[in-house]
Amino acid sequence: MHATETFARFAVRLANTPLPPEVAHHAQRAVIDWYASLYPGLDTPSVQVLTQALADDLDRGPARLVRGRAATARAAALIQGTAAHAAEVDDSFRDAMYHPGAATIAAALAMAQAVGASGPDFLRAVVMGYEISTRIGVVMGRPHYKYWHNTGTMGSFGAAAAAASLLQLDEPAFAHALAIAATFTAGLQQAFRLESMAKPLHAGRAAEAGVLAAQLAAGGMRSSLDVLEGEAGLGQAMSTGPDWSAVGATLGTDFHITRLTFKNHIGCGHTFAAIDGALALQRLHGFTHADIERVDLGVYQPTLDIAPHVDPHSADQARFSLHYMVATALVHGSVRLAAFEPERLNDPATRALMRRITKALDPEVEAAFPGRRGARVVVTLRDGRGLTHLQPDRKGDPELPLSDADLEGKLMELATPVIGEAQSRALLARIWQLHHSAELP
């Protein structure tokens, strides 16, 4: 049996089984976080340009954008998948090095609206997308992540699985939906090493690709079912010939959606352990940014690769600047959306501290990646004291999880400026009722 068929068999089985209560609860948490990520992304330049370009696909169709405009299912998935990744606050599954929510939930919502699905059907589709796509990401491994942006590549599978679930595809058609999605996978890391405006499109295009793949499979389109493990397949082309033999071993027993990371800061998640470690030292020893002589950060390799900007000149670059993220946390106490406003980007105290920060590969931290996302922080104070802290995990990781109340607070913080407090609270209430509601969020 090919990997696509293994996943399809699981999908048909899950379609006829109620979600375990814990799994449904974690799916609702993921949906809350998706909306918290979506709203601050709606007015970013990436989404504004994209929305203008897709004018022909708006004000018609069976789906609806969160601001009320009708859209085709593919356009809704593309726009809202992009928006959910644009502000850099979306969830991740650590072992797959992948942000599953942006594409998976965007596709699930668009397709659920298109077919008139219920809340439970929508949640099941979300779970389906997470479980299948994260397993593909785990198998593809770190060699894939060296060049490819997993949110664009793996996201196509999450979106395809979610959309196929909502279209109620049978086992053969579901397998072909995944096989078709494999031919759409894309997203180069180089696309955000210098300028990251186009980065959110990886999530949006993955969402759109998954919807299209499922629609094509529903119409009878076929593809090579060995596209993952074949000699010219995804594993060979985009990784180093990984082993697919156990890809379905824990399907239905170990639900990956219960072990997500939810961001506790705004920006590149590879910087978060260093932020948490620096703030932990500051809380413990009571120093201010003016007391700091220097900060030396020991990190794993992707932090150096993906957050490289030493002197960021834009909000996009600042989100991918380890120097800026740690400095602004130490100066202002946190990294929220305000950290990327023009006045804060040019804050003299932050800029001065950035010049006193160094970064290097830490062998112990590197060896733990990707299973742990840590950082070593060494702060030397002007009074001569040297302070060291190893931060093995980030707040928001499964080891240091955000509570339901934390996630609710995140949505309220990020959605209220866009839709108001009353609508934000009503949205939360609808999401918490999805497991037995006929209505979508």
Protein backbone atom coordinates (compact mmCIF):
# COMPACT_ATOMS: atom_id res chain seq x y z
CA MET A 1 0.00 0.00 0.00
CA HIS A 2 1.35 3.42 -0.96
CA ALA A 3 1.56 6.20 1.62
CA THR A 4 -1.27 8.11 -0.08
CA GLU A 5 -3.48 5.03 0.26
CA THR A 6 -2.52 4.58 3.91
CA PHE A 7 -3.67 8.12 4.59
CA ALA A 8 -6.85 7.63 2.58
CA ARG A 9 -7.78 4.53 4.57
CA PHE A 10 -7.31 6.47 7.80
CA ALA A 11 -9.41 9.33 6.43
CA VAL A 12 -12.37 7.10 5.60
CA ARG A 13 -12.16 5.47 9.01
CA LEU A 14 -12.03 8.84 10.80
CA ALA A 15 -14.95 10.12 8.74
CA ASN A 16 -17.16 7.48 10.31
CA THR A 17 -15.92 7.89 13.88
CA PRO A 18 -16.72 10.68 16.35
CA LEU A 19 -13.65 12.68 17.33
CA PRO A 20 -12.39 11.89 20.82
CA PRO A 21 -13.38 14.79 23.11
CA GLU A 22 -9.75 15.73 23.79
CA VAL A 23 -8.99 15.82 20.07
CA ALA A 24 -12.06 17.95 19.33
CA HIS A 25 -10.99 20.34 22.10
CA HIS A 26 -7.51 20.71 20.65
CA ALA A 27 -8.98 21.28 17.20
CA GLN A 28 -11.05 24.11 18.65
CA ARG A 29 -7.88 25.56 20.20
CA ALA A 30 -6.26 25.46 16.77
CA VAL A 31 -9.23 27.27 15.23
CA ILE A 32 -9.07 29.97 17.91
CA ASP A 33 -5.38 30.47 17.19
CA TRP A 34 -6.07 30.58 13.43
CA TYR A 35 -8.53 33.43 13.82
CA ALA A 36 -6.10 35.21 16.17
CA SER A 37 -3.49 34.93 13.41
CA LEU A 38 -5.89 35.84 10.60
CA TYR A 39 -7.19 39.22 11.74
CA PRO A 40 -3.87 41.08 12.10
CA GLY A 41 -2.85 39.74 8.70
CA LEU A 42 -5.86 41.04 6.79
CA ASP A 43 -4.48 44.53 6.18
CA THR A 44 -0.87 43.61 5.55
CA PRO A 45 0.54 44.67 2.17
CA SER A 46 0.76 41.05 1.01
CA VAL A 47 -2.94 40.47 1.50
CA GLN A 48 -3.95 43.84 0.08
CA VAL A 49 -2.05 43.21 -3.16
CA LEU A 50 -3.37 39.65 -3.37
CA THR A 51 -6.98 40.73 -2.83
CA GLN A 52 -6.69 43.28 -5.63
CA ALA A 53 -5.19 40.69 -7.96
CA LEU A 54 -8.06 38.27 -7.25
CA ALA A 55 -10.85 40.76 -7.91
CA ASP A 56 -12.40 38.52 -10.60
CA ASP A 57 -12.89 35.75 -8.01
CA LEU A 58 -14.53 37.95 -5.38
CA ASP A 59 -18.15 39.04 -4.86
CA ARG A 60 -19.25 35.70 -6.28
CA GLY A 61 -18.99 32.07 -5.22
CA PRO A 62 -20.14 29.93 -2.28
CA ALA A 63 -17.46 30.90 0.27
CA ARG A 64 -17.26 34.07 2.31
CA LEU A 65 -14.31 36.03 3.59
CA VAL A 66 -14.40 36.99 7.27
CA ARG A 67 -15.23 40.58 6.35
CA GLY A 68 -18.29 39.40 4.46
CA ARG A 69 -17.31 39.38 0.77
CA ALA A 70 -18.39 36.38 -1.26
CA ALA A 71 -15.58 34.43 -2.91
CA THR A 72 -14.90 31.25 -4.77
CA ALA A 73 -13.64 28.52 -2.48
CA ARG A 74 -10.18 28.64 -4.02
CA ALA A 75 -9.93 32.43 -3.69
CA ALA A 76 -11.13 32.35 -0.09
CA ALA A 77 -8.56 29.69 0.77
CA LEU A 78 -5.78 31.63 -0.98
CA ILE A 79 -6.58 35.00 0.60
CA GLN A 80 -7.26 33.78 4.12
CA GLY A 81 -4.43 31.25 4.09
CA THR A 82 -2.11 34.10 3.20
CA ALA A 83 -3.59 36.40 5.84
CA ALA A 84 -3.28 33.76 8.56
CA HIS A 85 0.48 33.54 7.97
CA ALA A 86 1.16 37.21 7.24
CA ALA A 87 1.51 38.51 10.80
CA GLU A 88 3.77 35.62 11.88
CA VAL A 89 1.61 34.51 14.82
CA ASP A 90 0.27 31.17 13.53
CA ASP A 91 0.67 27.75 15.10
CA SER A 92 3.30 25.12 14.36
CA PHE A 93 3.96 21.42 14.74
CA ARG A 94 7.55 21.31 15.85
CA ASP A 95 8.62 17.87 14.62
CA ALA A 96 7.43 18.64 11.08
CA MET A 97 9.02 22.13 11.10
CA TYR A 98 5.71 23.37 9.77
CA HIS A 99 2.87 25.85 10.41
CA PRO A 100 -0.15 23.62 9.69
CA GLY A 101 -3.00 25.91 10.66
CA ALA A 102 -2.70 28.71 8.09
CA ALA A 103 -3.33 26.55 5.01
CA THR A 104 -5.29 23.69 6.56
CA ILE A 105 -7.92 25.76 8.34
CA ALA A 106 -8.22 28.28 5.50
CA ALA A 107 -8.99 25.43 3.10
CA ALA A 108 -11.30 23.71 5.58
CA LEU A 109 -13.34 26.86 6.20
CA ALA A 110 -13.65 27.72 2.51
CA MET A 111 -14.72 24.21 1.57
CA ALA A 112 -17.04 23.88 4.58
CA GLN A 113 -18.83 27.03 3.46
CA ALA A 114 -18.97 25.80 -0.12
CA VAL A 115 -20.65 22.50 0.80
CA GLY A 116 -22.72 23.74 3.76
CA ALA A 117 -20.91 21.58 6.31
CA SER A 118 -21.63 21.49 10.03
CA GLY A 119 -19.33 22.44 12.88
CA PRO A 120 -18.36 18.82 13.64
CA ASP A 121 -17.65 18.16 9.95
CA PHE A 122 -15.43 21.23 9.85
CA LEU A 123 -13.51 20.17 12.98
CA ARG A 124 -13.03 16.66 11.61
CA ALA A 125 -11.61 18.10 8.39
CA VAL A 126 -9.20 20.25 10.38
CA VAL A 127 -8.00 17.22 12.34
CA MET A 128 -7.64 15.23 9.12
CA GLY A 129 -5.47 17.91 7.58
CA TYR A 130 -3.22 18.23 10.62
CA GLU A 131 -2.74 14.50 11.13
CA ILE A 132 -1.84 13.71 7.52
CA SER A 133 0.30 16.72 6.64
CA THR A 134 2.36 16.72 9.82
CA ARG A 135 3.27 13.06 9.29
CA ILE A 136 4.48 13.80 5.78
CA GLY A 137 6.53 16.66 7.21
CA VAL A 138 8.08 14.45 9.89
CA VAL A 139 9.14 11.88 7.30
CA MET A 140 10.57 14.51 4.96
CA GLY A 141 12.68 15.67 7.88
CA ARG A 142 15.36 18.26 8.28
CA PRO A 143 16.92 17.75 4.81
CA HIS A 144 13.67 19.04 3.29
CA TYR A 145 13.69 22.06 5.59
CA LYS A 146 17.15 23.07 4.41
CA TYR A 147 15.77 24.64 1.22
CA TRP A 148 12.00 24.30 1.29
CA HIS A 149 9.46 26.23 3.35
CA ASN A 150 7.36 23.45 4.83
CA THR A 151 4.35 25.70 5.29
CA GLY A 152 4.12 25.91 1.51
CA THR A 153 5.01 22.30 0.76
CA MET A 154 3.39 20.36 3.60
CA GLY A 155 0.52 22.85 3.73
CA SER A 156 -0.74 21.58 0.37
CA PHE A 157 -1.35 18.17 1.94
CA GLY A 158 -3.08 19.60 5.01
CA ALA A 159 -5.39 21.64 2.81
CA ALA A 160 -6.05 18.75 0.42
CA ALA A 161 -6.90 16.36 3.23
CA ALA A 162 -9.24 18.87 4.87
CA ALA A 163 -10.99 19.69 1.61
CA ALA A 164 -11.24 16.03 0.60
CA SER A 165 -12.81 15.24 3.96
CA LEU A 166 -15.49 17.88 3.45
CA LEU A 167 -16.16 16.67 -0.09
CA GLN A 168 -16.64 13.19 1.43
CA LEU A 169 -14.31 11.57 -1.07
CA ASP A 170 -14.10 7.81 -1.00
CA GLU A 171 -10.82 6.05 -0.34
CA PRO A 172 -9.47 5.99 -3.92
CA ALA A 173 -10.42 9.61 -4.62
CA PHE A 174 -8.95 10.78 -1.31
CA ALA A 175 -5.64 9.09 -2.17
CA HIS A 176 -5.64 10.79 -5.56
CA ALA A 177 -6.34 14.17 -3.95
CA LEU A 178 -3.16 13.79 -1.90
CA ALA A 179 -1.23 12.59 -4.95
CA ILE A 180 -2.41 15.60 -6.95
CA ALA A 181 -1.48 17.92 -4.08
CA ALA A 182 2.06 16.51 -4.19
CA THR A 183 2.51 17.98 -7.65
CA PHE A 184 1.57 21.44 -6.33
CA THR A 185 3.98 21.60 -3.40
CA ALA A 186 6.25 24.65 -3.44
CA GLY A 187 7.77 27.38 -1.31
CA LEU A 188 11.48 28.22 -1.23
CA GLN A 189 13.13 29.45 1.94
CA GLN A 190 15.21 31.86 -0.14
CA ALA A 191 11.96 33.72 -0.77
CA PHE A 192 12.20 35.25 2.71
CA ARG A 193 15.92 35.41 3.40
CA LEU A 194 16.25 38.89 1.88
CA GLU A 195 12.67 40.18 1.69
CA SER A 196 9.72 38.36 3.26
CA MET A 197 6.67 40.11 1.77
CA ALA A 198 5.91 37.09 -0.43
CA LYS A 199 6.40 34.53 2.35
CA PRO A 200 2.71 34.42 3.42
CA LEU A 201 1.78 33.46 -0.12
CA HIS A 202 3.31 30.05 0.55
CA ALA A 203 0.53 29.31 3.04
CA GLY A 204 -2.15 30.82 0.83
CA ARG A 205 -1.07 28.96 -2.28
CA ALA A 206 -0.92 25.74 -0.27
CA ALA A 207 -4.50 26.30 0.87
CA GLU A 208 -5.64 27.00 -2.68
CA ALA A 209 -3.67 24.02 -4.04
CA GLY A 210 -5.28 21.67 -1.55
CA VAL A 211 -8.78 22.85 -2.42
CA LEU A 212 -8.07 22.46 -6.13
CA ALA A 213 -6.54 19.02 -5.65
CA ALA A 214 -9.61 17.79 -3.79
CA GLN A 215 -11.96 19.30 -6.34
CA LEU A 216 -10.07 17.64 -9.19
CA ALA A 217 -10.08 14.29 -7.43
CA ALA A 218 -13.81 14.64 -6.85
CA GLY A 219 -14.21 15.12 -10.59
CA GLY A 220 -12.24 11.99 -11.44
CA MET A 221 -8.70 13.33 -11.82
CA ARG A 222 -6.04 10.74 -11.07
CA SER A 223 -2.35 10.94 -10.25
CA SER A 224 0.48 8.53 -9.40
CA LEU A 225 -0.31 7.13 -5.96
CA ASP A 226 3.38 6.43 -5.32
CA VAL A 227 4.22 10.13 -5.68
CA LEU A 228 5.58 10.35 -2.13
CA GLU A 229 7.87 7.32 -2.02
CA GLY A 230 8.51 6.64 -5.72
CA GLU A 231 11.99 6.77 -7.20
CA ALA A 232 11.24 10.21 -8.68
CA GLY A 233 8.78 11.19 -5.96
CA LEU A 234 8.60 13.84 -3.29
CA GLY A 235 10.95 12.07 -0.89
CA GLN A 236 13.72 11.79 -3.45
CA ALA A 237 13.18 15.18 -5.08
CA MET A 238 12.79 17.28 -1.94
CA SER A 239 14.60 15.27 0.74
CA THR A 240 17.17 12.48 0.92
CA GLY A 241 15.09 9.40 0.19
CA PRO A 242 13.30 9.10 3.55
CA ASP A 243 11.64 5.93 4.83
CA TRP A 244 7.86 5.96 4.43
CA SER A 245 7.22 2.50 5.83
CA ALA A 246 5.93 3.68 9.23
CA VAL A 247 4.23 6.88 8.12
CA GLY A 248 0.80 5.63 9.22
CA ALA A 249 1.84 3.67 12.29
CA THR A 250 0.23 5.97 14.87
CA LEU A 251 -2.66 7.36 12.83
CA GLY A 252 -5.78 7.46 14.98
CA THR A 253 -3.93 6.73 18.23
CA ASP A 254 -1.43 9.58 18.54
CA PHE A 255 -3.12 12.79 17.43
CA HIS A 256 -0.53 15.38 16.50
CA ILE A 257 -3.07 18.17 16.86
CA THR A 258 -2.86 17.72 20.63
CA ARG A 259 0.84 18.72 20.61
CA LEU A 260 0.89 22.02 18.75
CA THR A 261 2.98 25.06 19.51
CA PHE A 262 1.06 28.32 19.78
CA LYS A 263 3.07 31.51 19.51
CA ASN A 264 3.44 33.66 22.58
CA HIS A 265 5.29 36.44 20.74
CA ILE A 266 4.87 38.08 17.34
CA GLY A 267 7.44 37.17 14.70
CA CYS A 268 9.70 34.31 13.68
CA GLY A 269 9.31 31.42 16.12
CA HIS A 270 12.99 30.52 15.82
CA THR A 271 13.75 33.63 17.89
CA PHE A 272 11.36 32.82 20.73
CA ALA A 273 13.58 30.67 22.94
CA ALA A 274 16.19 33.44 22.99
CA ILE A 275 13.47 35.97 23.88
CA ASP A 276 12.12 33.76 26.66
CA GLY A 277 15.61 33.13 28.02
CA ALA A 278 16.56 36.81 27.98
CA LEU A 279 13.33 37.82 29.72
CA ALA A 280 13.79 35.04 32.29
CA LEU A 281 17.22 36.42 33.21
CA GLN A 282 15.83 39.94 33.36
CA ARG A 283 13.00 38.91 35.69
CA LEU A 284 15.33 36.90 37.94
CA HIS A 285 18.08 39.50 38.26
CA GLY A 286 16.17 42.74 37.84
CA PHE A 287 18.44 44.50 35.35
CA THR A 288 17.34 46.95 32.65
CA HIS A 289 18.55 47.22 29.08
CA ALA A 290 20.81 50.11 30.11
CA ASP A 291 22.65 47.78 32.51
CA ILE A 292 23.66 45.38 29.73
CA GLU A 293 27.21 45.36 28.41
CA ARG A 294 26.53 42.58 25.90
CA VAL A 295 24.26 39.66 25.11
CA ASP A 296 25.62 36.45 23.56
CA LEU A 297 23.06 34.07 22.07
CA GLY A 298 23.69 30.39 21.35
CA VAL A 299 21.09 28.98 18.96
CA TYR A 300 20.39 26.17 16.48
CA GLN A 301 21.20 26.54 12.79
CA PRO A 302 17.76 27.51 11.38
CA THR A 303 17.68 30.49 13.75
CA LEU A 304 20.86 31.76 12.10
CA ASP A 305 19.52 30.98 8.63
CA ILE A 306 15.95 32.25 8.93
CA ALA A 307 16.35 35.18 11.35
CA PRO A 308 19.58 36.64 9.97
CA HIS A 309 18.94 40.39 9.77
CA VAL A 310 21.37 42.35 11.94
CA ASP A 311 20.10 45.78 10.86
CA PRO A 312 16.48 45.35 9.71
CA HIS A 313 15.00 48.17 7.67
CA SER A 314 11.35 47.10 7.60
CA ALA A 315 8.77 45.37 9.75
CA ASP A 316 9.11 42.24 7.61
CA GLN A 317 12.85 42.11 8.17
CA ALA A 318 12.46 42.88 11.88
CA ARG A 319 10.24 39.83 12.34
CA PHE A 320 13.15 37.78 11.02
CA SER A 321 15.88 39.51 13.00
CA LEU A 322 17.14 37.67 16.10
CA HIS A 323 18.95 40.84 17.15
CA TYR A 324 15.82 42.99 16.91
CA MET A 325 13.45 40.50 18.51
CA VAL A 326 15.62 39.94 21.60
CA ALA A 327 16.57 43.60 21.96
CA THR A 328 13.01 44.88 21.72
CA ALA A 329 11.90 42.30 24.31
CA LEU A 330 14.59 43.42 26.75
CA VAL A 331 13.86 47.12 26.19
CA HIS A 332 10.05 47.01 26.10
CA GLY A 333 9.23 43.80 27.99
CA SER A 334 7.47 41.94 25.17
CA VAL A 335 7.20 41.53 21.41
CA ARG A 336 3.66 42.37 20.33
CA LEU A 337 2.29 43.96 17.14
CA ALA A 338 3.40 47.39 18.35
CA ALA A 339 7.00 46.22 18.08
CA PHE A 340 6.75 46.53 14.30
CA GLU A 341 5.39 50.05 14.11
CA PRO A 342 7.80 52.58 12.52
CA GLU A 343 8.49 54.42 15.78
CA ARG A 344 9.44 51.21 17.57
CA LEU A 345 11.50 49.91 14.66
CA ASN A 346 13.75 52.95 15.02
CA ASP A 347 13.74 53.14 18.81
CA PRO A 348 17.23 54.37 19.83
CA ALA A 349 17.46 52.17 22.94
CA THR A 350 16.54 49.05 20.96
CA ARG A 351 18.97 49.87 18.17
CA ALA A 352 21.77 50.52 20.65
CA LEU A 353 21.20 47.19 22.39
CA MET A 354 21.11 45.36 19.06
CA ARG A 355 24.70 46.43 18.46
CA ARG A 356 25.69 44.73 21.71
CA ILE A 357 24.18 41.33 20.74
CA THR A 358 26.10 38.46 19.19
CA LYS A 359 24.83 35.10 17.96
CA ALA A 360 26.49 31.76 17.26
CA LEU A 361 25.68 28.09 16.81
CA ASP A 362 25.42 26.27 20.14
CA PRO A 363 26.24 22.55 19.73
CA GLU A 364 23.97 21.41 22.57
CA VAL A 365 21.02 23.47 21.36
CA GLU A 366 21.64 22.41 17.74
CA ALA A 367 21.70 18.72 18.69
CA ALA A 368 18.24 18.97 20.25
CA PHE A 369 16.62 20.48 17.13
CA PRO A 370 13.94 19.90 15.81
CA GLY A 371 12.51 18.05 18.79
CA ARG A 372 13.37 20.96 21.07
CA ARG A 373 13.65 24.62 20.10
CA GLY A 374 16.06 26.10 22.64
CA ALA A 375 18.60 28.88 23.10
CA ARG A 376 21.45 29.69 25.45
CA VAL A 377 21.49 33.30 26.65
CA VAL A 378 24.57 34.88 28.26
CA VAL A 379 24.12 38.44 29.54
CA THR A 380 27.16 40.41 30.69
CA LEU A 381 26.22 43.41 32.81
CA ARG A 382 28.16 46.65 33.08
CA ASP A 383 28.89 45.87 36.74
CA GLY A 384 30.87 42.82 35.64
CA ARG A 385 28.33 40.11 36.42
CA GLY A 386 27.87 37.33 33.88
CA LEU A 387 24.47 35.66 33.77
CA THR A 388 23.69 32.47 31.84
CA HIS A 389 20.42 30.72 31.12
CA LEU A 390 19.64 27.69 28.95
CA GLN A 391 16.07 27.95 27.65
CA PRO A 392 15.27 24.46 26.33
CA ASP A 393 11.75 25.25 25.12
CA ARG A 394 9.59 28.20 24.20
CA LYS A 395 6.49 29.27 26.02
CA GLY A 396 3.72 27.90 23.82
CA ASP A 397 5.54 24.62 23.10
CA PRO A 398 3.88 21.42 24.38
CA GLU A 399 6.27 21.47 27.36
CA LEU A 400 5.18 25.03 28.27
CA PRO A 401 1.70 25.20 26.74
CA LEU A 402 -0.59 28.16 26.43
CA SER A 403 -3.80 27.60 28.38
CA ASP A 404 -7.27 27.97 26.90
CA ALA A 405 -7.44 31.35 28.64
CA ASP A 406 -4.11 32.35 27.07
CA LEU A 407 -5.44 31.50 23.62
CA GLU A 408 -8.66 33.38 24.26
CA GLY A 409 -6.60 36.38 25.34
CA LYS A 410 -4.52 36.11 22.19
CA LEU A 411 -7.62 36.20 19.99
CA MET A 412 -9.09 39.11 21.93
CA GLU A 413 -5.84 41.06 21.66
CA LEU A 414 -5.42 40.52 17.93
CA ALA A 415 -9.02 40.44 16.69
CA THR A 416 -10.56 43.23 18.79
CA PRO A 417 -8.78 46.07 16.93
CA VAL A 418 -10.27 44.72 13.70
CA ILE A 419 -13.80 43.57 14.59
CA GLY A 420 -14.39 44.95 18.08
CA GLU A 421 -14.67 43.31 21.47
CA ALA A 422 -18.28 42.14 21.18
CA GLN A 423 -17.74 40.36 17.86
CA SER A 424 -14.50 38.83 19.13
CA ARG A 425 -16.24 37.37 22.16
CA ALA A 426 -19.09 36.08 20.00
CA LEU A 427 -16.55 34.42 17.69
CA LEU A 428 -14.92 32.69 20.66
CA ALA A 429 -18.28 31.40 21.82
CA ARG A 430 -19.07 29.98 18.36
CA ILE A 431 -15.71 28.23 18.14
CA TRP A 432 -16.13 26.59 21.55
CA GLN A 433 -19.51 25.26 20.37
CA LEU A 434 -18.28 23.84 17.05
CA HIS A 435 -18.16 20.25 18.26
CA HIS A 436 -21.97 20.10 18.42
CA SER A 437 -23.13 23.06 16.32
CA ALA A 438 -24.70 23.11 12.89
CA GLU A 439 -23.09 26.51 12.31
CA LEU A 440 -19.56 27.39 11.25
CA PRO A 441 -17.57 30.14 13.03
